[in-house]
């Protein structure tokens, strides 16, 4: 536990830092030295998925388990979920793959929407676990979850990490209570599916020259394996030329490659259905996503005020007596 105090005019701020289970906790005690008024603010950071399993997140994390975790932290930390604001969110799924994950992301993934991926920094043992494409509001991550957890099976993590919440706020995801709304969580499915569709991969194993393609297709398959080609094409984009060329490339890869993009898409859908398998009344013909949530709970002025000795209903936010 760490305690620091600083004063600004007539405001004395005492910051308490510590741990609760797997979460990092910051509590700010704000005292008005003139009036004697005092407020408390809580910020917490961590993964509900990891906290449920004591620090790991390679197992399935179902809708029921998500609700258990939200109720657990709200009851024990006296949090009103309707006031606890989410400032970062990770949406991801663990996918068992028919291919070895590390060679796949190293040799077959090209770019995301024309933006190149960067490799993770090596871990303590010098192993690079994945790749990331950092954008202004979110990052796209692909990494070897099996290697990370020393598993014998192939397990790939595909994840969107939202550092700014604007697009999720537009979907009605702003407060912790929004994660208790099954309809809102259900509708997050398209985020990951659309993102995977925008990941450009190349899995053609044959020599392109032996495919006997017309010169323009042959040239596109060869040049399209280089991320720089798509970066430059996007920079010089006129009209929908970039999208047109990317669509042509994807069609050629789907025709002559291993069709791994479609395979992984189907596996993602299957995993989602497993996470909601106890909810048969959900709309049929759809796929489901239960994300891993990494949250900071913030409210007005960046934090959530805590009131002493009060409890709230986890669903309607009403104070309990």
Protein backbone atom coordinates (compact mmCIF):
# COMPACT_ATOMS: atom_id res chain seq x y z
CA UNK A 1 0.00 0.00 0.00
CA UNK A 2 1.21 3.50 -0.89
CA UNK A 3 -0.07 6.84 0.45
CA UNK A 4 0.77 10.28 -0.96
CA UNK A 5 -0.58 13.71 -0.06
CA UNK A 6 -0.51 17.00 -1.97
CA UNK A 7 -2.20 20.37 -1.46
CA UNK A 8 -3.69 22.73 -4.01
CA UNK A 9 -4.84 26.01 -2.47
CA UNK A 10 -7.49 24.95 0.06
CA UNK A 11 -7.79 21.38 -1.30
CA UNK A 12 -5.80 18.55 0.33
CA UNK A 13 -5.63 15.36 -1.78
CA UNK A 14 -4.49 12.09 -0.22
CA UNK A 15 -3.95 9.23 -2.69
CA UNK A 16 -4.05 5.63 -1.49
CA UNK A 17 -2.72 2.95 -3.86
CA UNK A 18 -3.07 -0.76 -3.29
CA UNK A 19 -4.33 -4.13 -4.53
CA UNK A 20 -7.62 -5.92 -4.10
CA UNK A 21 -7.57 -9.48 -5.39
CA UNK A 22 -6.06 -9.05 -8.91
CA UNK A 23 -7.17 -5.41 -9.32
CA UNK A 24 -5.07 -2.27 -8.88
CA UNK A 25 -6.94 0.18 -6.65
CA UNK A 26 -6.50 3.95 -6.30
CA UNK A 27 -8.57 5.89 -3.76
CA UNK A 28 -8.32 9.68 -3.62
CA UNK A 29 -9.44 11.42 -0.44
CA UNK A 30 -10.25 15.05 -1.25
CA UNK A 31 -10.53 17.41 1.74
CA UNK A 32 -11.61 21.04 1.55
CA UNK A 33 -9.56 22.51 4.39
CA UNK A 34 -11.79 25.58 4.54
CA UNK A 35 -15.22 23.96 4.73
CA UNK A 36 -14.13 20.59 6.10
CA UNK A 37 -16.03 18.79 3.34
CA UNK A 38 -14.58 15.50 2.18
CA UNK A 39 -15.10 13.29 -0.86
CA UNK A 40 -13.66 9.92 -1.83
CA UNK A 41 -12.96 8.77 -5.41
CA UNK A 42 -12.19 5.25 -6.58
CA UNK A 43 -10.27 4.12 -9.66
CA UNK A 44 -9.74 0.42 -10.29
CA UNK A 45 -7.98 -1.36 -13.13
CA UNK A 46 -7.97 -5.02 -14.00
CA UNK A 47 -9.64 -7.82 -15.90
CA UNK A 48 -12.90 -9.34 -14.74
CA UNK A 49 -11.96 -12.43 -16.74
CA UNK A 50 -8.57 -12.78 -15.05
CA UNK A 51 -9.97 -12.03 -11.61
CA UNK A 52 -12.51 -14.83 -12.00
CA UNK A 53 -9.73 -17.34 -12.65
CA UNK A 54 -7.21 -15.88 -10.22
CA UNK A 55 -4.93 -14.27 -12.80
CA UNK A 56 -5.30 -16.25 -16.06
CA UNK A 57 -7.66 -15.69 -18.98
CA UNK A 58 -7.29 -18.61 -21.38
CA UNK A 59 -10.43 -20.43 -20.17
CA UNK A 60 -13.91 -19.54 -21.40
CA UNK A 61 -15.57 -16.68 -19.52
CA UNK A 62 -19.34 -17.05 -19.77
CA UNK A 63 -22.14 -14.52 -19.37
CA UNK A 64 -22.98 -15.97 -15.93
CA UNK A 65 -19.37 -15.63 -14.78
CA UNK A 66 -19.25 -12.02 -15.99
CA UNK A 67 -22.31 -11.21 -13.87
CA UNK A 68 -20.79 -12.98 -10.86
CA UNK A 69 -17.68 -10.82 -11.12
CA UNK A 70 -19.59 -7.55 -11.48
CA UNK A 71 -21.76 -8.36 -8.47
CA UNK A 72 -18.68 -9.45 -6.52
CA UNK A 73 -16.78 -6.18 -6.93
CA UNK A 74 -19.88 -4.00 -6.49
CA UNK A 75 -20.86 -5.63 -3.20
CA UNK A 76 -17.37 -5.79 -1.73
CA UNK A 77 -16.19 -2.33 -2.84
CA UNK A 78 -19.54 -0.53 -2.34
CA UNK A 79 -19.71 0.45 -6.01
CA UNK A 80 -22.88 1.69 -7.67
CA UNK A 81 -22.59 0.19 -11.19
CA UNK A 82 -24.84 2.86 -12.70
CA UNK A 83 -22.28 5.53 -11.73
CA UNK A 84 -19.05 3.60 -12.31
CA UNK A 85 -17.73 4.75 -15.69
CA UNK A 86 -15.64 2.45 -17.90
CA UNK A 87 -12.61 4.19 -19.40
CA UNK A 88 -10.89 1.28 -21.19
CA UNK A 89 -12.32 -1.95 -22.51
CA UNK A 90 -10.86 -5.05 -24.15
CA UNK A 91 -13.11 -7.12 -26.40
CA UNK A 92 -11.58 -10.44 -27.36
CA UNK A 93 -12.01 -14.15 -27.82
CA UNK A 94 -9.73 -17.19 -27.49
CA UNK A 95 -9.81 -19.31 -30.64
CA UNK A 96 -8.61 -22.94 -30.89
CA UNK A 97 -6.96 -23.06 -34.31
CA UNK A 98 -6.06 -25.84 -36.78
CA UNK A 99 -2.70 -24.12 -37.35
CA UNK A 100 0.23 -23.20 -35.11
CA UNK A 101 -0.43 -19.66 -33.92
CA UNK A 102 3.01 -18.02 -33.80
CA UNK A 103 4.05 -18.99 -37.37
CA UNK A 104 0.59 -17.82 -38.51
CA UNK A 105 0.79 -14.28 -37.16
CA UNK A 106 4.45 -13.99 -38.18
CA UNK A 107 4.09 -15.28 -41.73
CA UNK A 108 0.46 -14.92 -42.77
CA UNK A 109 -0.95 -11.69 -41.31
CA UNK A 110 -0.18 -8.66 -43.46
CA UNK A 111 -2.06 -5.60 -42.18
CA UNK A 112 -5.28 -4.18 -40.73
CA UNK A 113 -7.18 -1.68 -42.88
CA UNK A 114 -3.89 -0.88 -44.62
CA UNK A 115 -2.06 -0.31 -41.32
CA UNK A 116 0.94 -2.47 -40.43
CA UNK A 117 1.23 -4.62 -37.31
CA UNK A 118 4.16 -4.33 -34.89
CA UNK A 119 5.55 -7.23 -32.90
CA UNK A 120 5.16 -7.39 -29.14
CA UNK A 121 8.24 -6.66 -27.12
CA UNK A 122 9.87 -9.99 -26.13
CA UNK A 123 8.87 -11.31 -22.71
CA UNK A 124 11.32 -12.15 -19.93
CA UNK A 125 12.38 -15.32 -21.77
CA UNK A 126 12.92 -13.45 -25.05
CA UNK A 127 9.76 -14.79 -26.74
CA UNK A 128 7.51 -12.54 -28.86
CA UNK A 129 3.94 -13.60 -28.12
CA UNK A 130 2.04 -11.59 -30.71
CA UNK A 131 1.49 -8.56 -32.91
CA UNK A 132 -0.46 -5.32 -32.46
CA UNK A 133 -1.79 -2.59 -34.73
CA UNK A 134 -2.17 0.64 -32.74
CA UNK A 135 -4.78 3.13 -33.96
CA UNK A 136 -6.00 6.42 -32.50
CA UNK A 137 -8.90 5.02 -30.44
CA UNK A 138 -8.18 1.30 -30.25
CA UNK A 139 -5.62 -1.39 -30.94
CA UNK A 140 -5.99 -4.71 -32.76
CA UNK A 141 -4.05 -7.56 -31.16
CA UNK A 142 -3.29 -11.12 -32.27
CA UNK A 143 -1.20 -13.32 -30.01
CA UNK A 144 -0.37 -16.86 -29.01
CA UNK A 145 -2.44 -17.51 -25.91
CA UNK A 146 -1.35 -21.14 -25.84
CA UNK A 147 2.33 -20.23 -25.80
CA UNK A 148 1.72 -17.55 -23.19
CA UNK A 149 0.16 -20.10 -20.83
CA UNK A 150 2.35 -23.07 -21.82
CA UNK A 151 -0.62 -25.01 -23.22
CA UNK A 152 -0.22 -28.04 -25.49
CA UNK A 153 -3.05 -26.93 -27.82
CA UNK A 154 -3.11 -24.11 -30.38
CA UNK A 155 -4.99 -21.15 -28.90
CA UNK A 156 -5.06 -17.76 -30.59
CA UNK A 157 -6.27 -14.57 -28.95
CA UNK A 158 -7.90 -11.98 -31.21
CA UNK A 159 -8.66 -8.77 -29.38
CA UNK A 160 -9.69 -5.15 -29.70
CA UNK A 161 -8.42 -2.88 -26.95
CA UNK A 162 -10.35 0.37 -26.70
CA UNK A 163 -8.29 3.15 -25.14
CA UNK A 164 -10.93 5.75 -25.96
CA UNK A 165 -14.57 4.90 -25.40
CA UNK A 166 -16.35 7.10 -27.95
CA UNK A 167 -17.41 4.34 -30.35
CA UNK A 168 -18.46 2.06 -27.48
CA UNK A 169 -20.34 4.90 -25.77
CA UNK A 170 -22.28 5.27 -29.03
CA UNK A 171 -23.27 1.61 -28.60
CA UNK A 172 -24.54 2.25 -25.09
CA UNK A 173 -21.47 0.91 -23.28
CA UNK A 174 -20.42 3.57 -20.77
CA UNK A 175 -21.05 2.38 -17.21
CA UNK A 176 -20.41 -0.86 -15.39
CA UNK A 177 -24.17 -1.47 -15.33
CA UNK A 178 -24.10 -1.62 -19.14
CA UNK A 179 -22.12 -4.85 -18.83
CA UNK A 180 -25.15 -6.29 -17.03
CA UNK A 181 -27.33 -5.71 -20.08
CA UNK A 182 -27.30 -8.88 -22.16
CA UNK A 183 -28.72 -7.09 -25.22
CA UNK A 184 -25.88 -4.54 -25.25
CA UNK A 185 -23.25 -7.24 -24.83
CA UNK A 186 -24.94 -9.34 -27.50
CA UNK A 187 -24.67 -6.48 -30.00
CA UNK A 188 -20.89 -6.21 -29.53
CA UNK A 189 -20.50 -9.26 -31.74
CA UNK A 190 -20.04 -7.32 -34.97
CA UNK A 191 -17.04 -5.36 -33.65
CA UNK A 192 -14.77 -8.39 -33.58
CA UNK A 193 -16.16 -10.00 -36.71
CA UNK A 194 -15.77 -6.81 -38.73
CA UNK A 195 -12.27 -6.32 -37.38
CA UNK A 196 -11.25 -9.86 -38.32
CA UNK A 197 -12.64 -9.30 -41.81
CA UNK A 198 -10.40 -6.19 -42.07
CA UNK A 199 -7.28 -8.17 -41.16
CA UNK A 200 -5.49 -8.98 -44.40
CA UNK A 201 -3.89 -12.43 -44.51
CA UNK A 202 -1.99 -14.44 -47.11
CA UNK A 203 -2.12 -18.23 -46.92
CA UNK A 204 -1.42 -19.29 -50.50
CA UNK A 205 1.15 -22.10 -50.31
CA UNK A 206 1.66 -22.58 -54.05
CA UNK A 207 4.16 -20.69 -56.16
CA UNK A 208 2.15 -17.79 -57.59
CA UNK A 209 3.87 -18.11 -60.96
CA UNK A 210 2.52 -21.66 -61.29
CA UNK A 211 -1.10 -20.58 -60.83
CA UNK A 212 -1.22 -19.29 -64.42
CA UNK A 213 -3.08 -16.11 -63.48
CA UNK A 214 -3.50 -13.09 -65.68
CA UNK A 215 -0.60 -10.64 -65.20
CA UNK A 216 -2.53 -8.12 -63.07
CA UNK A 217 -3.70 -10.82 -60.60
CA UNK A 218 -0.25 -12.37 -60.50
CA UNK A 219 1.28 -8.97 -59.76
CA UNK A 220 -1.30 -8.19 -57.05
CA UNK A 221 -0.73 -11.49 -55.20
CA UNK A 222 3.02 -10.92 -55.15
CA UNK A 223 2.98 -7.22 -54.17
CA UNK A 224 0.07 -7.66 -51.76
CA UNK A 225 2.15 -9.81 -49.42
CA UNK A 226 4.10 -6.70 -48.42
CA UNK A 227 2.45 -4.44 -45.78
CA UNK A 228 4.19 -1.42 -47.31
CA UNK A 229 2.25 -1.95 -50.54
CA UNK A 230 -1.05 -1.45 -48.70
CA UNK A 231 0.27 1.49 -46.67
CA UNK A 232 1.28 3.32 -49.84
CA UNK A 233 -1.92 2.37 -51.63
CA UNK A 234 -3.97 3.76 -48.77
CA UNK A 235 -1.95 6.99 -48.64
CA UNK A 236 -2.45 7.51 -52.37
CA UNK A 237 -6.05 6.34 -52.29
CA UNK A 238 -8.41 7.99 -54.74
CA UNK A 239 -12.07 7.16 -54.34
CA UNK A 240 -12.56 3.50 -53.41
CA UNK A 241 -9.44 2.22 -55.19
CA UNK A 242 -7.85 0.94 -51.96
CA UNK A 243 -10.99 -1.02 -51.01
CA UNK A 244 -11.31 -2.35 -54.54
CA UNK A 245 -7.74 -3.61 -54.63
CA UNK A 246 -8.01 -5.12 -51.17
CA UNK A 247 -11.21 -6.89 -52.18
CA UNK A 248 -9.52 -8.33 -55.27
CA UNK A 249 -6.59 -9.53 -53.18
CA UNK A 250 -8.85 -11.17 -50.59
CA UNK A 251 -10.82 -12.97 -53.30
CA UNK A 252 -7.64 -14.32 -54.88
CA UNK A 253 -6.31 -15.51 -51.51
CA UNK A 254 -9.65 -17.16 -50.70
CA UNK A 255 -9.61 -18.97 -54.05
CA UNK A 256 -6.02 -20.21 -54.01
CA UNK A 257 -5.17 -20.28 -50.31
CA UNK A 258 -6.05 -22.36 -47.24
CA UNK A 259 -9.15 -20.25 -46.48
CA UNK A 260 -7.99 -19.64 -42.92
CA UNK A 261 -9.77 -16.30 -42.71
CA UNK A 262 -13.14 -17.98 -43.19
CA UNK A 263 -12.14 -20.88 -40.92
CA UNK A 264 -11.25 -18.57 -38.03
CA UNK A 265 -14.44 -16.58 -38.58
CA UNK A 266 -16.45 -19.77 -38.08
CA UNK A 267 -14.46 -20.71 -34.99
CA UNK A 268 -15.12 -17.29 -33.44
CA UNK A 269 -18.85 -17.78 -33.93
CA UNK A 270 -18.70 -21.21 -32.34
CA UNK A 271 -16.91 -19.90 -29.26
CA UNK A 272 -19.48 -17.14 -28.82
CA UNK A 273 -22.34 -19.62 -28.87
CA UNK A 274 -20.62 -21.68 -26.18
CA UNK A 275 -20.37 -18.63 -23.92
CA UNK A 276 -24.14 -18.08 -24.09
CA UNK A 277 -25.23 -21.71 -24.33
CA UNK A 278 -27.48 -21.43 -21.24
CA UNK A 279 -29.56 -18.68 -22.89
CA UNK A 280 -31.70 -20.46 -25.52
CA UNK A 281 -34.20 -17.59 -25.82
CA UNK A 282 -31.69 -15.25 -27.46
CA UNK A 283 -32.40 -14.50 -31.15
CA UNK A 284 -31.51 -17.40 -33.43
CA UNK A 285 -29.31 -17.15 -36.47
CA UNK A 286 -26.95 -14.78 -34.68
CA UNK A 287 -23.54 -15.17 -33.12
CA UNK A 288 -22.52 -13.99 -29.71
CA UNK A 289 -19.48 -12.36 -28.16
CA UNK A 290 -18.59 -12.23 -24.52
CA UNK A 291 -15.54 -9.99 -24.21
CA UNK A 292 -12.83 -9.88 -21.67
CA UNK A 293 -13.33 -6.56 -19.92
CA UNK A 294 -10.40 -4.57 -18.61
CA UNK A 295 -11.82 -1.54 -16.87
CA UNK A 296 -11.00 1.64 -15.06
CA UNK A 297 -13.98 2.85 -13.10
CA UNK A 298 -14.25 6.61 -13.42
CA UNK A 299 -16.98 9.17 -13.00
CA UNK A 300 -17.33 12.92 -12.73
CA UNK A 301 -13.96 14.66 -12.86
CA UNK A 302 -12.42 11.37 -13.93
CA UNK A 303 -13.40 9.27 -10.95
CA UNK A 304 -16.34 7.77 -9.11
CA UNK A 305 -17.26 9.33 -5.76
CA UNK A 306 -17.68 6.88 -2.91
CA UNK A 307 -20.09 7.55 -0.07
CA UNK A 308 -19.49 6.04 3.35
CA UNK A 309 -21.62 3.13 4.58
CA UNK A 310 -24.00 3.00 1.62
CA UNK A 311 -25.05 0.04 -0.51
CA UNK A 312 -26.89 0.14 -3.83
CA UNK A 313 -29.05 -2.22 -5.83
CA UNK A 314 -26.84 -3.71 -8.54
CA UNK A 315 -29.57 -3.47 -11.15
CA UNK A 316 -31.51 -0.22 -10.63
CA UNK A 317 -28.93 1.76 -8.64
CA UNK A 318 -31.32 2.53 -5.76
CA UNK A 319 -29.70 3.01 -2.35
CA UNK A 320 -30.43 0.18 0.05
CA UNK A 321 -31.27 0.83 3.72
